[in-house]
Amino acid sequence: MSKSYYVKVATGEKDDVRYSFNWAIARRCRLQITPGRIKFCGTVLAPEDIKRAVVIRVRQMFIPGYVLQLETADNVYQIGMMPWVPIKKLLPVPFEEEKQRLKYSTFSIIARIVLLVILVYLLVTGRLF
């Protein structure tokens, strides 16, 4: 019997880990890893299906975490998880390790500017407090 962990899975991110729309709408599900398979969000990958695996250590503000990036012939999966998931001990495939800073996508920058403008407007007009 294997343990399972709650994770967030984004597809379509082929570059570095970043704040993006794909992560905003990412699916939340359970990750199960056994010696013969990696299962998440209805996807089951055998070790031979994985072309490259990278365990990326990230920090979101002051909260540490990991992103497991799995590349297959058809897709790239980025699986975000909390730091207490023992991902390095569980993976049935060889993997690389990296440390990255989270980058910002255009969508993320625009969303933050819009929220800041709304907040300033509410403060100036006295509607916030």
N, C-alpha and C. Protein backbone atom coordinates (compact mmCIF):
# COMPACT_ATOMS: atom_id res chain seq x y z
N MET A 1 0.83 -1.19 0.00
CA MET A 1 0.00 0.00 0.00
C MET A 1 0.88 1.25 0.00
N SER A 2 0.53 2.19 -0.83
CA SER A 2 1.34 3.40 -0.93
C SER A 2 0.63 4.56 -0.23
N LYS A 3 1.42 5.53 0.17
CA LYS A 3 0.85 6.75 0.73
C LYS A 3 0.45 7.66 -0.40
N SER A 4 -0.46 8.57 -0.10
CA SER A 4 -0.82 9.57 -1.10
C SER A 4 -0.71 10.95 -0.47
N TYR A 5 -0.45 11.93 -1.31
CA TYR A 5 -0.23 13.30 -0.86
C TYR A 5 -1.06 14.23 -1.72
N TYR A 6 -1.64 15.26 -1.10
CA TYR A 6 -2.36 16.27 -1.87
C TYR A 6 -1.36 17.16 -2.58
N VAL A 7 -1.60 17.37 -3.87
CA VAL A 7 -0.70 18.17 -4.70
C VAL A 7 -1.53 19.04 -5.64
N LYS A 8 -0.84 19.89 -6.36
CA LYS A 8 -1.45 20.73 -7.38
C LYS A 8 -0.69 20.45 -8.68
N VAL A 9 -1.39 20.14 -9.76
CA VAL A 9 -0.75 19.73 -11.01
C VAL A 9 -1.08 20.70 -12.13
N ALA A 10 -0.03 21.26 -12.72
CA ALA A 10 -0.18 22.17 -13.87
C ALA A 10 0.42 21.50 -15.10
N THR A 11 -0.25 21.66 -16.22
CA THR A 11 0.29 21.17 -17.49
C THR A 11 0.47 22.38 -18.40
N GLY A 12 1.27 22.23 -19.40
CA GLY A 12 1.48 23.31 -20.34
C GLY A 12 2.61 24.26 -19.96
N GLU A 13 3.24 24.03 -18.82
CA GLU A 13 4.38 24.86 -18.39
C GLU A 13 5.65 24.12 -18.79
N LYS A 14 6.32 24.58 -19.81
CA LYS A 14 7.52 23.88 -20.27
C LYS A 14 8.80 24.56 -19.83
N ASP A 15 8.68 25.77 -19.32
CA ASP A 15 9.87 26.52 -18.93
C ASP A 15 10.07 26.39 -17.41
N ASP A 16 10.74 27.37 -16.86
CA ASP A 16 10.97 27.39 -15.42
C ASP A 16 9.64 27.51 -14.68
N VAL A 17 9.68 27.18 -13.41
CA VAL A 17 8.50 27.30 -12.57
C VAL A 17 8.21 28.79 -12.38
N ARG A 18 6.92 29.17 -12.53
CA ARG A 18 6.57 30.58 -12.43
C ARG A 18 5.13 30.73 -11.98
N TYR A 19 4.80 31.93 -11.50
CA TYR A 19 3.41 32.28 -11.22
C TYR A 19 2.76 32.44 -12.59
N SER A 20 1.68 31.72 -12.85
CA SER A 20 1.05 31.84 -14.17
C SER A 20 -0.41 31.44 -14.09
N PHE A 21 -1.13 31.67 -15.18
CA PHE A 21 -2.54 31.30 -15.26
C PHE A 21 -2.70 29.79 -15.13
N ASN A 22 -1.76 29.03 -15.69
CA ASN A 22 -1.84 27.57 -15.59
C ASN A 22 -1.83 27.10 -14.13
N TRP A 23 -1.05 27.77 -13.30
CA TRP A 23 -1.03 27.42 -11.87
C TRP A 23 -2.28 27.90 -11.16
N ALA A 24 -2.87 29.01 -11.63
CA ALA A 24 -4.10 29.51 -11.01
C ALA A 24 -5.25 28.53 -11.21
N ILE A 25 -5.27 27.86 -12.35
CA ILE A 25 -6.35 26.90 -12.64
C ILE A 25 -5.88 25.44 -12.50
N ALA A 26 -4.73 25.23 -11.91
CA ALA A 26 -4.17 23.88 -11.79
C ALA A 26 -5.12 22.96 -11.02
N ARG A 27 -5.09 21.70 -11.39
CA ARG A 27 -5.93 20.71 -10.73
C ARG A 27 -5.31 20.29 -9.40
N ARG A 28 -6.16 20.11 -8.42
CA ARG A 28 -5.73 19.62 -7.12
C ARG A 28 -6.17 18.17 -7.01
N CYS A 29 -5.26 17.31 -6.58
CA CYS A 29 -5.57 15.90 -6.50
C CYS A 29 -4.57 15.20 -5.59
N ARG A 30 -4.67 13.90 -5.56
CA ARG A 30 -3.73 13.09 -4.76
C ARG A 30 -2.64 12.53 -5.66
N LEU A 31 -1.44 12.51 -5.15
CA LEU A 31 -0.29 11.92 -5.83
C LEU A 31 0.04 10.61 -5.13
N GLN A 32 0.12 9.53 -5.89
CA GLN A 32 0.51 8.23 -5.36
C GLN A 32 1.73 7.74 -6.14
N ILE A 33 2.77 7.35 -5.39
CA ILE A 33 3.99 6.86 -6.03
C ILE A 33 4.30 5.47 -5.50
N THR A 34 4.42 4.53 -6.41
CA THR A 34 4.85 3.17 -6.08
C THR A 34 6.05 2.85 -6.96
N PRO A 35 6.75 1.75 -6.70
CA PRO A 35 7.91 1.42 -7.55
C PRO A 35 7.56 1.25 -9.03
N GLY A 36 6.29 0.94 -9.34
CA GLY A 36 5.91 0.69 -10.72
C GLY A 36 5.11 1.77 -11.40
N ARG A 37 4.75 2.84 -10.66
CA ARG A 37 3.92 3.86 -11.29
C ARG A 37 3.89 5.15 -10.48
N ILE A 38 3.54 6.21 -11.17
CA ILE A 38 3.25 7.51 -10.56
C ILE A 38 1.86 7.88 -11.02
N LYS A 39 0.95 8.09 -10.06
CA LYS A 39 -0.46 8.34 -10.39
C LYS A 39 -0.90 9.66 -9.79
N PHE A 40 -1.55 10.51 -10.62
CA PHE A 40 -2.08 11.78 -10.16
C PHE A 40 -3.17 12.25 -11.11
N CYS A 41 -4.24 12.79 -10.57
CA CYS A 41 -5.32 13.42 -11.36
C CYS A 41 -5.79 12.55 -12.53
N GLY A 42 -5.88 11.25 -12.34
CA GLY A 42 -6.33 10.36 -13.41
C GLY A 42 -5.25 9.96 -14.40
N THR A 43 -4.04 10.49 -14.23
CA THR A 43 -2.92 10.14 -15.10
C THR A 43 -2.06 9.10 -14.40
N VAL A 44 -1.70 8.07 -15.11
CA VAL A 44 -0.82 7.03 -14.57
C VAL A 44 0.41 6.95 -15.49
N LEU A 45 1.58 7.14 -14.89
CA LEU A 45 2.82 7.07 -15.64
C LEU A 45 3.67 5.92 -15.13
N ALA A 46 4.16 5.10 -16.04
CA ALA A 46 5.12 4.07 -15.69
C ALA A 46 6.51 4.71 -15.73
N PRO A 47 7.46 4.18 -14.97
CA PRO A 47 8.81 4.77 -14.99
C PRO A 47 9.41 4.89 -16.40
N GLU A 48 9.11 3.95 -17.26
CA GLU A 48 9.67 3.99 -18.63
C GLU A 48 9.03 5.08 -19.50
N ASP A 49 7.87 5.62 -19.08
CA ASP A 49 7.21 6.71 -19.81
C ASP A 49 7.89 8.06 -19.57
N ILE A 50 8.66 8.17 -18.49
CA ILE A 50 9.22 9.46 -18.09
C ILE A 50 10.58 9.65 -18.73
N LYS A 51 10.68 10.68 -19.55
CA LYS A 51 11.95 11.00 -20.23
C LYS A 51 12.91 11.74 -19.32
N ARG A 52 12.35 12.63 -18.47
CA ARG A 52 13.18 13.43 -17.57
C ARG A 52 12.37 13.79 -16.34
N ALA A 53 12.99 13.69 -15.19
CA ALA A 53 12.35 14.08 -13.93
C ALA A 53 13.26 15.07 -13.21
N VAL A 54 12.68 16.16 -12.73
CA VAL A 54 13.44 17.18 -12.03
C VAL A 54 12.69 17.54 -10.75
N VAL A 55 13.37 17.48 -9.62
CA VAL A 55 12.81 17.94 -8.36
C VAL A 55 13.33 19.36 -8.13
N ILE A 56 12.43 20.32 -8.13
CA ILE A 56 12.80 21.73 -8.04
C ILE A 56 12.38 22.27 -6.67
N ARG A 57 13.34 22.81 -5.95
CA ARG A 57 13.05 23.42 -4.65
C ARG A 57 12.71 24.89 -4.88
N VAL A 58 11.55 25.32 -4.39
CA VAL A 58 11.09 26.69 -4.59
C VAL A 58 10.68 27.29 -3.25
N ARG A 59 10.46 28.59 -3.28
CA ARG A 59 9.97 29.32 -2.12
C ARG A 59 8.91 30.29 -2.61
N GLN A 60 7.74 30.24 -1.98
CA GLN A 60 6.67 31.19 -2.28
C GLN A 60 6.55 32.10 -1.08
N MET A 61 7.08 33.30 -1.21
CA MET A 61 7.26 34.23 -0.10
C MET A 61 8.17 33.55 0.93
N PHE A 62 7.63 33.18 2.08
CA PHE A 62 8.46 32.54 3.09
C PHE A 62 8.14 31.05 3.22
N ILE A 63 7.29 30.51 2.35
CA ILE A 63 6.87 29.11 2.43
C ILE A 63 7.67 28.27 1.44
N PRO A 64 8.46 27.30 1.93
CA PRO A 64 9.20 26.44 1.00
C PRO A 64 8.30 25.36 0.40
N GLY A 65 8.75 24.78 -0.67
CA GLY A 65 8.00 23.70 -1.30
C GLY A 65 8.81 23.04 -2.40
N TYR A 66 8.22 22.06 -3.03
CA TYR A 66 8.85 21.36 -4.13
C TYR A 66 7.93 21.37 -5.34
N VAL A 67 8.53 21.36 -6.51
CA VAL A 67 7.80 21.13 -7.75
C VAL A 67 8.50 19.98 -8.45
N LEU A 68 7.75 18.92 -8.71
CA LEU A 68 8.27 17.79 -9.46
C LEU A 68 7.88 18.00 -10.92
N GLN A 69 8.85 18.13 -11.79
CA GLN A 69 8.58 18.30 -13.21
C GLN A 69 8.86 16.99 -13.92
N LEU A 70 7.82 16.43 -14.52
CA LEU A 70 7.95 15.16 -15.25
C LEU A 70 7.71 15.41 -16.73
N GLU A 71 8.68 15.06 -17.54
CA GLU A 71 8.54 15.21 -18.99
C GLU A 71 8.33 13.83 -19.61
N THR A 72 7.27 13.73 -20.41
CA THR A 72 7.01 12.51 -21.16
C THR A 72 7.08 12.87 -22.64
N ALA A 73 6.84 11.90 -23.50
CA ALA A 73 6.86 12.17 -24.94
C ALA A 73 5.74 13.13 -25.34
N ASP A 74 4.63 13.13 -24.60
CA ASP A 74 3.46 13.92 -24.98
C ASP A 74 3.23 15.19 -24.17
N ASN A 75 3.78 15.27 -22.96
CA ASN A 75 3.40 16.36 -22.09
C ASN A 75 4.49 16.67 -21.07
N VAL A 76 4.34 17.81 -20.42
CA VAL A 76 5.20 18.19 -19.29
C VAL A 76 4.26 18.47 -18.13
N TYR A 77 4.46 17.78 -17.03
CA TYR A 77 3.65 17.96 -15.83
C TYR A 77 4.50 18.63 -14.77
N GLN A 78 3.94 19.65 -14.12
CA GLN A 78 4.59 20.25 -12.96
C GLN A 78 3.67 19.99 -11.77
N ILE A 79 4.21 19.29 -10.78
CA ILE A 79 3.43 18.87 -9.63
C ILE A 79 3.96 19.60 -8.40
N GLY A 80 3.15 20.51 -7.87
CA GLY A 80 3.55 21.30 -6.72
C GLY A 80 3.15 20.60 -5.43
N MET A 81 4.08 20.60 -4.45
CA MET A 81 3.80 19.93 -3.18
C MET A 81 4.48 20.64 -2.03
N MET A 82 4.04 20.33 -0.84
CA MET A 82 4.59 20.93 0.37
C MET A 82 5.94 20.29 0.70
N PRO A 83 6.74 20.94 1.54
CA PRO A 83 8.10 20.45 1.80
C PRO A 83 8.17 19.14 2.59
N TRP A 84 7.09 18.75 3.26
CA TRP A 84 7.16 17.51 4.05
C TRP A 84 6.89 16.26 3.22
N VAL A 85 6.58 16.40 1.95
CA VAL A 85 6.41 15.23 1.08
C VAL A 85 7.81 14.69 0.76
N PRO A 86 8.10 13.43 1.11
CA PRO A 86 9.45 12.89 0.89
C PRO A 86 9.68 12.45 -0.55
N ILE A 87 9.51 13.38 -1.47
CA ILE A 87 9.53 13.06 -2.90
C ILE A 87 10.85 12.43 -3.35
N LYS A 88 11.95 12.87 -2.78
CA LYS A 88 13.25 12.33 -3.21
C LYS A 88 13.41 10.86 -2.85
N LYS A 89 12.79 10.43 -1.78
CA LYS A 89 12.86 9.03 -1.37
C LYS A 89 11.89 8.14 -2.13
N LEU A 90 10.82 8.73 -2.65
CA LEU A 90 9.75 7.95 -3.27
C LEU A 90 9.90 7.72 -4.76
N LEU A 91 10.57 8.62 -5.47
CA LEU A 91 10.59 8.55 -6.93
C LEU A 91 11.24 7.25 -7.45
N PRO A 92 10.55 6.54 -8.35
CA PRO A 92 11.09 5.31 -8.90
C PRO A 92 11.96 5.53 -10.14
N VAL A 93 12.29 6.79 -10.44
CA VAL A 93 13.10 7.11 -11.61
C VAL A 93 14.26 8.00 -11.19
N PRO A 94 15.37 7.99 -11.94
CA PRO A 94 16.44 8.93 -11.64
C PRO A 94 15.95 10.36 -11.86
N PHE A 95 16.44 11.29 -11.06
CA PHE A 95 15.98 12.67 -11.18
C PHE A 95 17.12 13.64 -10.94
N GLU A 96 16.94 14.84 -11.48
CA GLU A 96 17.88 15.93 -11.24
C GLU A 96 17.29 16.80 -10.14
N GLU A 97 18.15 17.55 -9.46
CA GLU A 97 17.69 18.49 -8.44
C GLU A 97 18.09 19.90 -8.83
N GLU A 98 17.18 20.84 -8.64
CA GLU A 98 17.44 22.24 -8.92
C GLU A 98 16.82 23.10 -7.84
N LYS A 99 17.33 24.30 -7.72
CA LYS A 99 16.72 25.31 -6.87
C LYS A 99 16.40 26.48 -7.78
N GLN A 100 15.15 26.94 -7.75
CA GLN A 100 14.74 28.03 -8.63
C GLN A 100 13.95 29.07 -7.85
N ARG A 101 14.03 30.28 -8.33
CA ARG A 101 13.15 31.35 -7.84
C ARG A 101 11.92 31.35 -8.73
N LEU A 102 10.77 31.56 -8.13
CA LEU A 102 9.55 31.63 -8.93
C LEU A 102 9.57 32.90 -9.78
N LYS A 103 9.30 32.73 -11.05
CA LYS A 103 9.26 33.86 -11.97
C LYS A 103 7.81 34.29 -12.17
N TYR A 104 7.60 35.41 -12.81
CA TYR A 104 6.27 35.95 -13.04
C TYR A 104 5.92 35.91 -14.52
N SER A 105 4.73 35.42 -14.83
CA SER A 105 4.24 35.45 -16.20
C SER A 105 3.60 36.81 -16.47
N THR A 106 3.33 37.10 -17.71
CA THR A 106 2.66 38.35 -18.07
C THR A 106 1.29 38.42 -17.40
N PHE A 107 0.56 37.31 -17.40
CA PHE A 107 -0.75 37.26 -16.75
C PHE A 107 -0.63 37.61 -15.27
N SER A 108 0.35 37.05 -14.60
CA SER A 108 0.53 37.29 -13.18
C SER A 108 0.85 38.75 -12.88
N ILE A 109 1.68 39.35 -13.69
CA ILE A 109 2.04 40.77 -13.49
C ILE A 109 0.82 41.67 -13.69
N ILE A 110 0.05 41.41 -14.76
CA ILE A 110 -1.14 42.21 -15.03
C ILE A 110 -2.17 42.05 -13.91
N ALA A 111 -2.38 40.83 -13.45
CA ALA A 111 -3.34 40.58 -12.36
C ALA A 111 -2.94 41.32 -11.09
N ARG A 112 -1.67 41.34 -10.77
CA ARG A 112 -1.20 42.05 -9.57
C ARG A 112 -1.37 43.56 -9.71
N ILE A 113 -1.11 44.10 -10.89
CA ILE A 113 -1.27 45.54 -11.12
C ILE A 113 -2.75 45.93 -11.00
N VAL A 114 -3.63 45.13 -11.59
CA VAL A 114 -5.07 45.41 -11.52
C VAL A 114 -5.53 45.38 -10.06
N LEU A 115 -5.12 44.39 -9.30
CA LEU A 115 -5.50 44.31 -7.88
C LEU A 115 -4.96 45.50 -7.09
N LEU A 116 -3.75 45.91 -7.37
CA LEU A 116 -3.17 47.06 -6.69
C LEU A 116 -3.93 48.35 -7.02
N VAL A 117 -4.30 48.54 -8.28
CA VAL A 117 -5.07 49.71 -8.68
C VAL A 117 -6.43 49.73 -7.97
N ILE A 118 -7.09 48.59 -7.91
CA ILE A 118 -8.39 48.50 -7.22
C ILE A 118 -8.23 48.82 -5.74
N LEU A 119 -7.20 48.29 -5.11
CA LEU A 119 -6.95 48.54 -3.69
C LEU A 119 -6.69 50.02 -3.43
N VAL A 120 -5.87 50.65 -4.25
CA VAL A 120 -5.59 52.08 -4.10
C VAL A 120 -6.86 52.90 -4.30
N TYR A 121 -7.66 52.54 -5.30
CA TYR A 121 -8.92 53.24 -5.55
C TYR A 121 -9.84 53.14 -4.32
N LEU A 122 -9.97 51.94 -3.76
CA LEU A 122 -10.82 51.76 -2.59
C LEU A 122 -10.31 52.53 -1.38
N LEU A 123 -9.00 52.59 -1.23
CA LEU A 123 -8.42 53.36 -0.12
C LEU A 123 -8.64 54.85 -0.29
N VAL A 124 -8.43 55.35 -1.50
CA VAL A 124 -8.56 56.78 -1.78
C VAL A 124 -10.01 57.24 -1.64
N THR A 125 -10.96 56.43 -2.11
CA THR A 125 -12.37 56.82 -2.06
C THR A 125 -13.00 56.52 -0.70
N GLY A 126 -12.26 55.87 0.19
CA GLY A 126 -12.78 55.58 1.53
C GLY A 126 -13.76 54.42 1.57
N ARG A 127 -13.82 53.62 0.55
CA ARG A 127 -14.76 52.49 0.51
C ARG A 127 -14.20 51.22 1.12
N LEU A 128 -12.92 51.23 1.45
CA LEU A 128 -12.32 50.02 2.01
C LEU A 128 -12.55 49.95 3.51
N PHE A 129 -12.45 51.08 4.20
CA PHE A 129 -12.63 51.08 5.66
C PHE A 129 -13.75 51.98 6.05
